[in-house]
């Protein structure tokens, strides 16, 4: 996952952010579900859920341009068309 170096989420060390919450998402989100993730920060859960939903939709709304660009790169590079980042400016 692409991470802003100033963002301290411990992803560099463990590869997992909030292990308990990650496991809850894995157990609750199913294939073909639709997810709206508002205030997604760097998009950790958005990318996780995009992989889980398969042909469903995982949609993220961003507020900061820096993380929006990272999310675009992550979704494009990982070939996750169901992950559709948008910035705050897209909503206005």
C-alpha atoms as a PDB file:
ATOM      1  CA  UNK A   1       0.000   0.000   0.000  1.00  0.00           C
ATOM      2  CA  UNK A   2       1.239   3.468  -0.814  1.00  0.00           C
ATOM      3  CA  UNK A   3       1.655   5.476   2.386  1.00  0.00           C
ATOM      4  CA  UNK A   4       2.450   9.100   2.954  1.00  0.00           C
ATOM      5  CA  UNK A   5       5.792   9.001   4.845  1.00  0.00           C
ATOM      6  CA  UNK A   6       4.461  11.554   7.344  1.00  0.00           C
ATOM      7  CA  UNK A   7       1.499   9.315   8.193  1.00  0.00           C
ATOM      8  CA  UNK A   8       2.364   7.139  11.201  1.00  0.00           C
ATOM      9  CA  UNK A   9       0.053   4.130  10.843  1.00  0.00           C
ATOM     10  CA  UNK A  10       2.705   1.463  11.542  1.00  0.00           C
ATOM     11  CA  UNK A  11       2.073  -0.049   8.103  1.00  0.00           C
ATOM     12  CA  UNK A  12       5.771   0.065   7.328  1.00  0.00           C
ATOM     13  CA  UNK A  13       6.496  -2.332  10.195  1.00  0.00           C
ATOM     14  CA  UNK A  14       3.573  -4.770  10.348  1.00  0.00           C
ATOM     15  CA  UNK A  15       1.737  -4.369   7.036  1.00  0.00           C
ATOM     16  CA  UNK A  16      -1.536  -4.222   8.988  1.00  0.00           C
ATOM     17  CA  UNK A  17      -3.265  -1.214  10.517  1.00  0.00           C
ATOM     18  CA  UNK A  18      -5.534  -1.828  13.518  1.00  0.00           C
ATOM     19  CA  UNK A  19      -5.454  -5.658  13.457  1.00  0.00           C
ATOM     20  CA  UNK A  20      -8.715  -6.156  15.387  1.00  0.00           C
ATOM     21  CA  UNK A  21     -10.663  -3.692  13.229  1.00  0.00           C
ATOM     22  CA  UNK A  22      -9.112  -5.186  10.100  1.00  0.00           C
ATOM     23  CA  UNK A  23     -10.324  -8.642  11.099  1.00  0.00           C
ATOM     24  CA  UNK A  24     -13.823  -7.277  11.822  1.00  0.00           C
ATOM     25  CA  UNK A  25     -13.974  -5.736   8.340  1.00  0.00           C
ATOM     26  CA  UNK A  26     -12.791  -9.009   6.804  1.00  0.00           C
ATOM     27  CA  UNK A  27     -15.535 -10.911   8.604  1.00  0.00           C
ATOM     28  CA  UNK A  28     -18.354  -8.433   7.816  1.00  0.00           C
ATOM     29  CA  UNK A  29     -17.725  -7.242   4.249  1.00  0.00           C
ATOM     30  CA  UNK A  30     -18.804  -9.812   1.668  1.00  0.00           C
ATOM     31  CA  UNK A  31     -18.527 -10.183  -2.089  1.00  0.00           C
ATOM     32  CA  UNK A  32     -20.851  -7.839  -4.056  1.00  0.00           C
ATOM     33  CA  UNK A  33     -21.391  -5.562  -1.029  1.00  0.00           C
ATOM     34  CA  UNK A  34     -21.347  -1.810  -1.575  1.00  0.00           C
ATOM     35  CA  UNK A  35     -19.295   0.335   0.776  1.00  0.00           C
ATOM     36  CA  UNK A  36     -19.252   4.077   1.224  1.00  0.00           C
ATOM     37  CA  UNK A  37     -16.128   5.142   3.080  1.00  0.00           C
ATOM     38  CA  UNK A  38     -16.276   8.803   4.080  1.00  0.00           C
ATOM     39  CA  UNK A  39     -13.130  10.406   5.472  1.00  0.00           C
ATOM     40  CA  UNK A  40     -11.027   7.473   4.343  1.00  0.00           C
ATOM     41  CA  UNK A  41      -7.646   9.049   5.159  1.00  0.00           C
ATOM     42  CA  UNK A  42      -5.070   6.995   3.185  1.00  0.00           C
ATOM     43  CA  UNK A  43      -7.642   4.403   2.139  1.00  0.00           C
ATOM     44  CA  UNK A  44      -6.404   1.357   4.059  1.00  0.00           C
ATOM     45  CA  UNK A  45      -9.921   0.043   4.684  1.00  0.00           C
ATOM     46  CA  UNK A  46     -11.086   1.148   1.257  1.00  0.00           C
ATOM     47  CA  UNK A  47      -8.458  -0.978  -0.481  1.00  0.00           C
ATOM     48  CA  UNK A  48      -9.103  -3.866   1.909  1.00  0.00           C
ATOM     49  CA  UNK A  49     -12.835  -3.726   1.195  1.00  0.00           C
ATOM     50  CA  UNK A  50     -12.328  -3.281  -2.551  1.00  0.00           C
ATOM     51  CA  UNK A  51     -10.535  -6.622  -2.545  1.00  0.00           C
ATOM     52  CA  UNK A  52     -13.298  -8.223  -0.468  1.00  0.00           C
ATOM     53  CA  UNK A  53     -16.296  -7.000  -2.494  1.00  0.00           C
ATOM     54  CA  UNK A  54     -14.975  -8.130  -5.870  1.00  0.00           C
ATOM     55  CA  UNK A  55     -17.578  -7.001  -8.391  1.00  0.00           C
ATOM     56  CA  UNK A  56     -19.355  -4.834  -5.778  1.00  0.00           C
ATOM     57  CA  UNK A  57     -18.474  -1.194  -5.207  1.00  0.00           C
ATOM     58  CA  UNK A  58     -16.040   0.202  -2.713  1.00  0.00           C
ATOM     59  CA  UNK A  59     -16.261   3.980  -2.894  1.00  0.00           C
ATOM     60  CA  UNK A  60     -14.068   6.389  -1.012  1.00  0.00           C
ATOM     61  CA  UNK A  61     -14.488  10.113  -0.475  1.00  0.00           C
ATOM     62  CA  UNK A  62     -11.395  12.146   0.274  1.00  0.00           C
ATOM     63  CA  UNK A  63     -10.913  15.535   1.757  1.00  0.00           C
ATOM     64  CA  UNK A  64      -7.164  16.086   1.336  1.00  0.00           C
ATOM     65  CA  UNK A  65      -5.564  16.164  -2.073  1.00  0.00           C
ATOM     66  CA  UNK A  66      -2.310  14.439  -1.027  1.00  0.00           C
ATOM     67  CA  UNK A  67      -4.036  11.287   0.185  1.00  0.00           C
ATOM     68  CA  UNK A  68      -6.438  11.423  -2.768  1.00  0.00           C
ATOM     69  CA  UNK A  69      -3.515  11.117  -5.149  1.00  0.00           C
ATOM     70  CA  UNK A  70      -2.091   8.182  -3.167  1.00  0.00           C
ATOM     71  CA  UNK A  71      -5.510   6.476  -3.283  1.00  0.00           C
ATOM     72  CA  UNK A  72      -5.729   6.942  -7.050  1.00  0.00           C
ATOM     73  CA  UNK A  73      -2.306   5.369  -7.484  1.00  0.00           C
ATOM     74  CA  UNK A  74      -3.141   2.489  -5.114  1.00  0.00           C
ATOM     75  CA  UNK A  75      -6.427   1.656  -6.850  1.00  0.00           C
ATOM     76  CA  UNK A  76      -4.933   1.937 -10.321  1.00  0.00           C
ATOM     77  CA  UNK A  77      -1.748  -0.023  -9.589  1.00  0.00           C
ATOM     78  CA  UNK A  78      -3.618  -2.780  -7.765  1.00  0.00           C
ATOM     79  CA  UNK A  79      -6.197  -2.937 -10.588  1.00  0.00           C
ATOM     80  CA  UNK A  80      -9.154  -2.298  -8.302  1.00  0.00           C
ATOM     81  CA  UNK A  81     -11.760  -0.695 -10.586  1.00  0.00           C
ATOM     82  CA  UNK A  82     -14.357  -1.029  -7.820  1.00  0.00           C
ATOM     83  CA  UNK A  83     -12.322   1.425  -5.757  1.00  0.00           C
ATOM     84  CA  UNK A  84     -13.214   4.920  -6.969  1.00  0.00           C
ATOM     85  CA  UNK A  85     -11.428   7.695  -5.111  1.00  0.00           C
ATOM     86  CA  UNK A  86     -12.797  11.204  -5.213  1.00  0.00           C
ATOM     87  CA  UNK A  87     -11.533  14.406  -3.703  1.00  0.00           C
ATOM     88  CA  UNK A  88     -13.592  16.989  -1.885  1.00  0.00           C
ATOM     89  CA  UNK A  89     -13.439  19.172  -4.993  1.00  0.00           C
ATOM     90  CA  UNK A  90     -15.172  16.414  -7.002  1.00  0.00           C
ATOM     91  CA  UNK A  91     -18.234  16.831  -4.790  1.00  0.00           C
ATOM     92  CA  UNK A  92     -18.689  20.550  -5.224  1.00  0.00           C
END
